[in-house]
N, C-alpha and C. Protein backbone atom coordinates (compact mmCIF):
# COMPACT_ATOMS: atom_id res chain seq x y z
N MET A 1 75.86 98.83 91.61
CA MET A 1 77.19 99.17 92.09
C MET A 1 77.54 98.22 93.25
N ALA A 2 78.75 97.77 93.26
CA ALA A 2 79.21 96.83 94.28
C ALA A 2 79.38 97.54 95.62
N VAL A 3 79.16 96.79 96.67
CA VAL A 3 79.37 97.30 98.02
C VAL A 3 80.87 97.36 98.27
N ARG A 4 81.33 98.49 98.78
CA ARG A 4 82.76 98.66 99.04
C ARG A 4 83.21 97.65 100.09
N GLY A 5 84.32 96.99 99.81
CA GLY A 5 84.89 96.05 100.76
C GLY A 5 84.48 94.61 100.54
N ARG A 6 83.51 94.37 99.71
CA ARG A 6 83.08 93.00 99.41
C ARG A 6 83.79 92.51 98.16
N GLN A 7 84.08 91.21 98.14
CA GLN A 7 84.70 90.64 96.94
C GLN A 7 83.67 90.63 95.82
N GLN A 8 84.10 91.00 94.65
CA GLN A 8 83.22 91.07 93.49
C GLN A 8 82.76 89.68 93.08
N PRO A 9 81.47 89.51 92.74
CA PRO A 9 81.02 88.21 92.22
C PRO A 9 81.79 87.85 90.95
N GLY A 10 82.12 86.60 90.82
CA GLY A 10 82.86 86.16 89.65
C GLY A 10 84.36 86.19 89.83
N ARG A 11 84.83 86.80 90.90
CA ARG A 11 86.28 86.80 91.17
C ARG A 11 86.62 85.49 91.84
N THR A 12 87.68 84.87 91.42
CA THR A 12 87.99 83.53 91.90
C THR A 12 88.67 83.52 93.25
N GLY A 13 89.42 84.55 93.56
CA GLY A 13 90.21 84.53 94.79
C GLY A 13 91.44 83.67 94.65
N VAL A 14 91.75 83.26 93.42
CA VAL A 14 92.94 82.45 93.15
C VAL A 14 94.03 83.41 92.67
N PHE A 15 95.17 83.36 93.34
CA PHE A 15 96.27 84.25 93.01
C PHE A 15 97.45 83.42 92.55
N PRO A 16 97.79 83.45 91.26
CA PRO A 16 98.93 82.67 90.77
C PRO A 16 100.21 83.04 91.50
N ALA A 17 100.89 82.05 92.02
CA ALA A 17 102.10 82.28 92.81
C ALA A 17 103.25 82.83 91.98
N ASP A 18 103.22 82.60 90.67
CA ASP A 18 104.34 83.02 89.83
C ASP A 18 104.13 84.38 89.17
N LYS A 19 103.01 85.07 89.51
CA LYS A 19 102.73 86.36 88.89
C LYS A 19 102.58 87.44 89.96
N PRO A 20 103.08 88.64 89.67
CA PRO A 20 102.90 89.73 90.64
C PRO A 20 101.44 90.17 90.71
N LEU A 21 101.06 90.69 91.85
CA LEU A 21 99.71 91.22 92.04
C LEU A 21 99.77 92.74 92.00
N ARG A 22 98.76 93.34 91.43
CA ARG A 22 98.66 94.79 91.44
C ARG A 22 97.35 95.13 92.14
N ALA A 23 97.44 95.76 93.29
CA ALA A 23 96.26 96.20 94.02
C ALA A 23 96.07 97.69 93.76
N THR A 24 94.95 98.05 93.22
CA THR A 24 94.67 99.44 92.93
C THR A 24 93.63 99.95 93.91
N VAL A 25 93.95 101.05 94.56
CA VAL A 25 93.04 101.66 95.52
C VAL A 25 92.80 103.09 95.09
N MET A 26 91.54 103.42 94.87
CA MET A 26 91.18 104.77 94.48
C MET A 26 90.83 105.54 95.75
N LEU A 27 91.61 106.58 96.04
CA LEU A 27 91.36 107.43 97.20
C LEU A 27 90.98 108.81 96.68
N LYS A 28 89.69 109.07 96.67
CA LYS A 28 89.18 110.32 96.10
C LYS A 28 89.31 111.47 97.09
N PRO A 29 89.40 112.70 96.57
CA PRO A 29 89.41 113.86 97.47
C PRO A 29 88.17 113.83 98.36
N GLY A 30 88.38 114.05 99.64
CA GLY A 30 87.27 114.03 100.58
C GLY A 30 87.06 112.70 101.27
N ASP A 31 87.66 111.62 100.74
CA ASP A 31 87.57 110.31 101.41
C ASP A 31 88.33 110.38 102.73
N TYR A 32 87.71 109.88 103.77
CA TYR A 32 88.33 109.89 105.10
C TYR A 32 89.69 109.19 105.08
N VAL A 33 89.74 108.02 104.44
CA VAL A 33 90.98 107.25 104.45
C VAL A 33 92.08 107.91 103.61
N ARG A 34 91.70 108.77 102.69
CA ARG A 34 92.74 109.47 101.92
C ARG A 34 93.57 110.35 102.85
N GLY A 35 92.92 111.03 103.75
CA GLY A 35 93.64 111.85 104.72
C GLY A 35 94.56 111.01 105.58
N LEU A 36 94.08 109.84 106.00
CA LEU A 36 94.91 108.94 106.80
C LEU A 36 96.13 108.49 106.00
N TYR A 37 95.89 108.13 104.75
CA TYR A 37 96.95 107.69 103.85
C TYR A 37 98.01 108.78 103.68
N GLU A 38 97.57 109.99 103.36
CA GLU A 38 98.50 111.09 103.17
C GLU A 38 99.30 111.38 104.44
N GLU A 39 98.62 111.34 105.57
CA GLU A 39 99.30 111.59 106.85
C GLU A 39 100.37 110.54 107.11
N LEU A 40 100.04 109.27 106.87
CA LEU A 40 101.02 108.21 107.11
C LEU A 40 102.22 108.32 106.17
N VAL A 41 101.97 108.60 104.91
CA VAL A 41 103.07 108.76 103.95
C VAL A 41 104.00 109.88 104.40
N ASN A 42 103.42 111.01 104.79
CA ASN A 42 104.24 112.16 105.19
C ASN A 42 104.93 111.92 106.53
N ASP A 43 104.20 111.41 107.52
CA ASP A 43 104.78 111.23 108.86
C ASP A 43 105.83 110.13 108.90
N MET A 44 105.59 109.06 108.16
CA MET A 44 106.51 107.93 108.20
C MET A 44 107.67 108.09 107.23
N GLY A 45 107.50 108.95 106.23
CA GLY A 45 108.56 109.18 105.26
C GLY A 45 108.81 107.98 104.36
N ILE A 46 107.76 107.21 104.09
CA ILE A 46 107.89 106.04 103.21
C ILE A 46 106.90 106.18 102.06
N SER A 47 107.05 105.33 101.07
CA SER A 47 106.18 105.40 99.90
C SER A 47 104.76 104.97 100.24
N GLY A 48 103.84 105.38 99.41
CA GLY A 48 102.45 104.97 99.58
C GLY A 48 102.29 103.47 99.50
N ALA A 49 103.06 102.84 98.62
CA ALA A 49 103.00 101.38 98.50
C ALA A 49 103.45 100.71 99.79
N GLU A 50 104.49 101.28 100.42
CA GLU A 50 104.98 100.70 101.67
C GLU A 50 103.97 100.91 102.80
N VAL A 51 103.28 102.03 102.81
CA VAL A 51 102.21 102.25 103.79
C VAL A 51 101.16 101.16 103.65
N LEU A 52 100.77 100.86 102.42
CA LEU A 52 99.76 99.82 102.19
C LEU A 52 100.28 98.44 102.57
N ARG A 53 101.55 98.15 102.30
CA ARG A 53 102.13 96.87 102.71
C ARG A 53 102.09 96.70 104.22
N GLU A 54 102.47 97.76 104.94
CA GLU A 54 102.45 97.69 106.40
C GLU A 54 101.03 97.57 106.93
N ALA A 55 100.09 98.27 106.29
CA ALA A 55 98.69 98.17 106.70
C ALA A 55 98.17 96.75 106.50
N LEU A 56 98.52 96.12 105.39
CA LEU A 56 98.12 94.74 105.15
C LEU A 56 98.70 93.79 106.18
N THR A 57 99.96 94.02 106.54
CA THR A 57 100.61 93.19 107.55
C THR A 57 99.89 93.31 108.89
N GLU A 58 99.58 94.52 109.30
CA GLU A 58 98.90 94.75 110.57
C GLU A 58 97.48 94.18 110.55
N LEU A 59 96.79 94.33 109.44
CA LEU A 59 95.43 93.77 109.31
C LEU A 59 95.47 92.25 109.38
N HIS A 60 96.48 91.66 108.77
CA HIS A 60 96.62 90.21 108.81
C HIS A 60 96.87 89.74 110.25
N LYS A 61 97.73 90.44 110.97
CA LYS A 61 97.99 90.09 112.38
C LYS A 61 96.72 90.18 113.20
N ARG A 62 95.94 91.24 112.99
CA ARG A 62 94.69 91.42 113.73
C ARG A 62 93.71 90.30 113.43
N GLU A 63 93.60 89.92 112.18
CA GLU A 63 92.69 88.83 111.79
C GLU A 63 93.15 87.50 112.37
N ALA A 64 94.46 87.26 112.39
CA ALA A 64 94.99 86.02 112.97
C ALA A 64 94.68 85.95 114.46
N ARG A 65 94.81 87.09 115.16
CA ARG A 65 94.48 87.11 116.59
C ARG A 65 92.99 86.85 116.81
N ARG A 66 92.14 87.42 115.94
CA ARG A 66 90.70 87.21 116.05
C ARG A 66 90.36 85.74 115.85
N LYS A 67 90.96 85.13 114.86
CA LYS A 67 90.72 83.71 114.60
C LYS A 67 91.18 82.85 115.77
N ALA A 68 92.33 83.20 116.34
CA ALA A 68 92.87 82.43 117.46
C ALA A 68 91.97 82.54 118.69
N ARG A 69 91.39 83.72 118.91
CA ARG A 69 90.48 83.90 120.04
C ARG A 69 89.22 83.07 119.88
N HIS A 70 88.70 83.02 118.68
CA HIS A 70 87.43 82.32 118.44
C HIS A 70 87.61 80.83 118.21
N SER A 71 88.78 80.43 117.80
CA SER A 71 89.02 79.02 117.49
C SER A 71 88.84 78.09 118.69
N PRO A 72 89.47 78.34 119.85
CA PRO A 72 89.27 77.43 120.99
C PRO A 72 87.83 77.40 121.47
N LYS A 73 87.15 78.53 121.45
CA LYS A 73 85.75 78.59 121.86
C LYS A 73 84.88 77.77 120.92
N ALA A 74 85.13 77.90 119.64
CA ALA A 74 84.34 77.17 118.65
C ALA A 74 84.59 75.67 118.77
N ALA A 75 85.83 75.28 118.98
CA ALA A 75 86.15 73.86 119.12
C ALA A 75 85.50 73.29 120.37
N LEU A 76 85.52 74.01 121.47
CA LEU A 76 84.89 73.56 122.70
C LEU A 76 83.39 73.47 122.52
N HIS A 77 82.80 74.48 121.90
CA HIS A 77 81.36 74.51 121.68
C HIS A 77 80.92 73.36 120.78
N ASN A 78 81.66 73.10 119.71
CA ASN A 78 81.31 72.02 118.79
C ASN A 78 81.45 70.65 119.44
N SER A 79 82.45 70.46 120.27
CA SER A 79 82.63 69.15 120.90
C SER A 79 81.53 68.87 121.93
N GLU A 80 80.96 69.89 122.52
CA GLU A 80 79.86 69.71 123.46
C GLU A 80 78.58 69.35 122.77
N GLU A 81 78.38 69.86 121.56
CA GLU A 81 77.13 69.63 120.83
C GLU A 81 77.09 68.27 120.15
N LEU A 82 78.23 67.77 119.73
CA LEU A 82 78.24 66.52 118.97
C LEU A 82 78.17 65.32 119.91
N PRO A 83 77.27 64.38 119.63
CA PRO A 83 77.19 63.18 120.49
C PRO A 83 78.40 62.29 120.25
N GLN A 84 78.86 61.67 121.29
CA GLN A 84 80.00 60.76 121.21
C GLN A 84 79.50 59.40 120.74
N THR A 85 80.17 58.84 119.76
CA THR A 85 79.81 57.50 119.27
C THR A 85 80.98 56.56 119.53
N GLY A 86 80.64 55.29 119.58
CA GLY A 86 81.75 54.38 119.70
C GLY A 86 81.58 53.42 120.74
């Protein structure tokens, strides 16, 4: 059985730009995130699909901030390790 959250082996990660994507998420009774999902749908008064769209947007923003924080440090660290030639 695959580990939840990991990309499945054999999946290309290539998404054709001209075709719609369908993301299927199984939220079983008793799953912690199912309760979160139901609460957001009810409290926000929007569709479940829109809840997932907003969640993806927020996750993307968080990941971009994480990359930005680590990027200058990594660039500085790499430039110190590499010998200068020339």
